[in-house]
PDB file of N, CA and C in Angstrom:
ATOM      1  N   UNK A   1       2.090  19.511  28.768  1.00  0.00           N
ATOM      2  CA  UNK A   1       2.889  19.120  27.625  1.00  0.00           C
ATOM      3  C   UNK A   1       2.168  19.457  26.319  1.00  0.00           C
ATOM      4  N   UNK A   2       0.872  19.155  26.219  1.00  0.00           N
ATOM      5  CA  UNK A   2       0.130  19.454  24.997  1.00  0.00           C
ATOM      6  C   UNK A   2       0.132  20.941  24.694  1.00  0.00           C
ATOM      7  N   UNK A   3       0.016  21.747  25.725  1.00  0.00           N
ATOM      8  CA  UNK A   3       0.015  23.200  25.537  1.00  0.00           C
ATOM      9  C   UNK A   3       1.356  23.664  24.968  1.00  0.00           C
ATOM     10  N   UNK A   4       2.434  23.098  25.444  1.00  0.00           N
ATOM     11  CA  UNK A   4       3.768  23.446  24.961  1.00  0.00           C
ATOM     12  C   UNK A   4       3.919  23.078  23.481  1.00  0.00           C
ATOM     13  N   UNK A   5       3.517  21.876  23.115  1.00  0.00           N
ATOM     14  CA  UNK A   5       3.598  21.429  21.722  1.00  0.00           C
ATOM     15  C   UNK A   5       2.717  22.303  20.840  1.00  0.00           C
ATOM     16  N   UNK A   6       1.521  22.635  21.306  1.00  0.00           N
ATOM     17  CA  UNK A   6       0.614  23.488  20.544  1.00  0.00           C
ATOM     18  C   UNK A   6       1.241  24.853  20.278  1.00  0.00           C
ATOM     19  N   UNK A   7       1.892  25.430  21.260  1.00  0.00           N
ATOM     20  CA  UNK A   7       2.529  26.739  21.084  1.00  0.00           C
ATOM     21  C   UNK A   7       3.617  26.683  20.019  1.00  0.00           C
ATOM     22  N   UNK A   8       4.390  25.613  20.016  1.00  0.00           N
ATOM     23  CA  UNK A   8       5.456  25.464  19.020  1.00  0.00           C
ATOM     24  C   UNK A   8       4.865  25.326  17.621  1.00  0.00           C
ATOM     25  N   UNK A   9       3.826  24.525  17.492  1.00  0.00           N
ATOM     26  CA  UNK A   9       3.199  24.309  16.186  1.00  0.00           C
ATOM     27  C   UNK A   9       2.576  25.598  15.666  1.00  0.00           C
ATOM     28  N   UNK A  10       1.949  26.358  16.538  1.00  0.00           N
ATOM     29  CA  UNK A  10       1.290  27.591  16.109  1.00  0.00           C
ATOM     30  C   UNK A  10       2.278  28.651  15.642  1.00  0.00           C
ATOM     31  N   UNK A  11       3.533  28.538  16.006  1.00  0.00           N
ATOM     32  CA  UNK A  11       4.552  29.486  15.526  1.00  0.00           C
ATOM     33  C   UNK A  11       4.763  29.342  14.023  1.00  0.00           C
ATOM     34  N   UNK A  12       4.736  28.105  13.519  1.00  0.00           N
ATOM     35  CA  UNK A  12       4.967  27.846  12.096  1.00  0.00           C
ATOM     36  C   UNK A  12       4.196  26.599  11.675  1.00  0.00           C
ATOM     37  N   UNK A  13       2.866  26.703  11.567  1.00  0.00           N
ATOM     38  CA  UNK A  13       2.062  25.513  11.248  1.00  0.00           C
ATOM     39  C   UNK A  13       2.367  24.915   9.879  1.00  0.00           C
ATOM     40  N   UNK A  14       2.869  25.723   8.952  1.00  0.00           N
ATOM     41  CA  UNK A  14       3.165  25.204   7.612  1.00  0.00           C
ATOM     42  C   UNK A  14       4.326  24.211   7.630  1.00  0.00           C
ATOM     43  N   UNK A  15       5.084  24.160   8.706  1.00  0.00           N
ATOM     44  CA  UNK A  15       6.225  23.253   8.793  1.00  0.00           C
ATOM     45  C   UNK A  15       5.854  21.897   9.386  1.00  0.00           C
ATOM     46  N   UNK A  16       4.617  21.733   9.789  1.00  0.00           N
ATOM     47  CA  UNK A  16       4.213  20.497  10.459  1.00  0.00           C
ATOM     48  C   UNK A  16       3.374  19.625   9.541  1.00  0.00           C
ATOM     49  N   UNK A  17       3.704  18.375   9.493  1.00  0.00           N
ATOM     50  CA  UNK A  17       2.941  17.388   8.735  1.00  0.00           C
ATOM     51  C   UNK A  17       2.712  16.199   9.658  1.00  0.00           C
ATOM     52  N   UNK A  18       1.461  15.935   9.952  1.00  0.00           N
ATOM     53  CA  UNK A  18       1.124  14.849  10.878  1.00  0.00           C
ATOM     54  C   UNK A  18       0.707  13.629  10.080  1.00  0.00           C
ATOM     55  N   UNK A  19       1.422  12.538  10.278  1.00  0.00           N
ATOM     56  CA  UNK A  19       1.079  11.291   9.596  1.00  0.00           C
ATOM     57  C   UNK A  19       1.074  10.162  10.617  1.00  0.00           C
ATOM     58  N   UNK A  20       0.056   9.367  10.572  1.00  0.00           N
ATOM     59  CA  UNK A  20      -0.004   8.185  11.418  1.00  0.00           C
ATOM     60  C   UNK A  20      -0.922   7.168  10.773  1.00  0.00           C
ATOM     61  N   UNK A  21      -0.765   5.926  11.146  1.00  0.00           N
ATOM     62  CA  UNK A  21      -1.586   4.841  10.592  1.00  0.00           C
ATOM     63  C   UNK A  21      -2.675   4.479  11.590  1.00  0.00           C
ATOM     64  N   UNK A  22      -3.581   5.393  11.810  1.00  0.00           N
ATOM     65  CA  UNK A  22      -4.656   5.131  12.763  1.00  0.00           C
ATOM     66  C   UNK A  22      -5.604   4.056  12.239  1.00  0.00           C
ATOM     67  N   UNK A  23      -5.934   4.159  10.970  1.00  0.00           N
ATOM     68  CA  UNK A  23      -6.828   3.185  10.348  1.00  0.00           C
ATOM     69  C   UNK A  23      -6.028   2.460   9.274  1.00  0.00           C
ATOM     70  N   UNK A  24      -5.451   1.344   9.635  1.00  0.00           N
ATOM     71  CA  UNK A  24      -4.580   0.625   8.715  1.00  0.00           C
ATOM     72  C   UNK A  24      -5.356  -0.022   7.584  1.00  0.00           C
ATOM     73  N   UNK A  25      -6.542  -0.521   7.886  1.00  0.00           N
ATOM     74  CA  UNK A  25      -7.349  -1.150   6.849  1.00  0.00           C
ATOM     75  C   UNK A  25      -8.816  -1.062   7.230  1.00  0.00           C
ATOM     76  N   UNK A  26      -9.646  -1.236   6.239  1.00  0.00           N
ATOM     77  CA  UNK A  26     -11.088  -1.214   6.458  1.00  0.00           C
ATOM     78  C   UNK A  26     -11.595  -2.633   6.279  1.00  0.00           C
ATOM     79  N   UNK A  27     -12.364  -3.142   7.231  1.00  0.00           N
ATOM     80  CA  UNK A  27     -12.876  -4.511   7.111  1.00  0.00           C
ATOM     81  C   UNK A  27     -13.792  -4.670   5.893  1.00  0.00           C
ATOM     82  N   UNK A  28     -13.808  -5.858   5.354  1.00  0.00           N
ATOM     83  CA  UNK A  28     -14.685  -6.176   4.232  1.00  0.00           C
ATOM     84  C   UNK A  28     -16.140  -6.095   4.699  1.00  0.00           C
ATOM     85  N   UNK A  29     -16.997  -5.407   3.931  1.00  0.00           N
ATOM     86  CA  UNK A  29     -18.388  -5.216   4.377  1.00  0.00           C
ATOM     87  C   UNK A  29     -19.166  -6.527   4.446  1.00  0.00           C
ATOM     88  N   UNK A  30     -18.713  -7.559   3.721  1.00  0.00           N
ATOM     89  CA  UNK A  30     -19.414  -8.843   3.824  1.00  0.00           C
ATOM     90  C   UNK A  30     -19.175  -9.489   5.188  1.00  0.00           C
ATOM     91  N   UNK A  31     -18.077  -9.162   5.830  1.00  0.00           N
ATOM     92  CA  UNK A  31     -17.792  -9.706   7.158  1.00  0.00           C
ATOM     93  C   UNK A  31     -18.538  -8.943   8.247  1.00  0.00           C
ATOM     94  N   UNK A  32     -18.786  -7.660   8.012  1.00  0.00           N
ATOM     95  CA  UNK A  32     -19.420  -6.843   9.047  1.00  0.00           C
ATOM     96  C   UNK A  32     -20.920  -6.671   8.836  1.00  0.00           C
ATOM     97  N   UNK A  33     -21.437  -7.074   7.662  1.00  0.00           N
ATOM     98  CA  UNK A  33     -22.849  -6.885   7.318  1.00  0.00           C
ATOM     99  C   UNK A  33     -23.248  -5.414   7.295  1.00  0.00           C
ATOM    100  N   UNK A  34     -22.310  -4.544   7.043  1.00  0.00           N
ATOM    101  CA  UNK A  34     -22.605  -3.119   7.047  1.00  0.00           C
ATOM    102  C   UNK A  34     -21.613  -2.389   6.153  1.00  0.00           C
ATOM    103  N   UNK A  35     -22.084  -1.312   5.541  1.00  0.00           N
ATOM    104  CA  UNK A  35     -21.181  -0.462   4.775  1.00  0.00           C
ATOM    105  C   UNK A  35     -20.467   0.520   5.684  1.00  0.00           C
ATOM    106  N   UNK A  36     -20.935   0.643   6.897  1.00  0.00           N
ATOM    107  CA  UNK A  36     -20.380   1.606   7.843  1.00  0.00           C
ATOM    108  C   UNK A  36     -19.836   0.886   9.058  1.00  0.00           C
ATOM    109  N   UNK A  37     -18.838   1.448   9.679  1.00  0.00           N
ATOM    110  CA  UNK A  37     -18.261   0.836  10.887  1.00  0.00           C
ATOM    111  C   UNK A  37     -18.922   1.358  12.117  1.00  0.00           C
TER     112      UNK A  37
END
């Protein structure tokens, strides 16, 4: 399935826009004790 989708996208990559909310928010650094996750 991935190969099929890839072939379609490669025909006209300028027509594809991928949007998703993978990282909805970043935790407050005071809660994590770190600037990095």
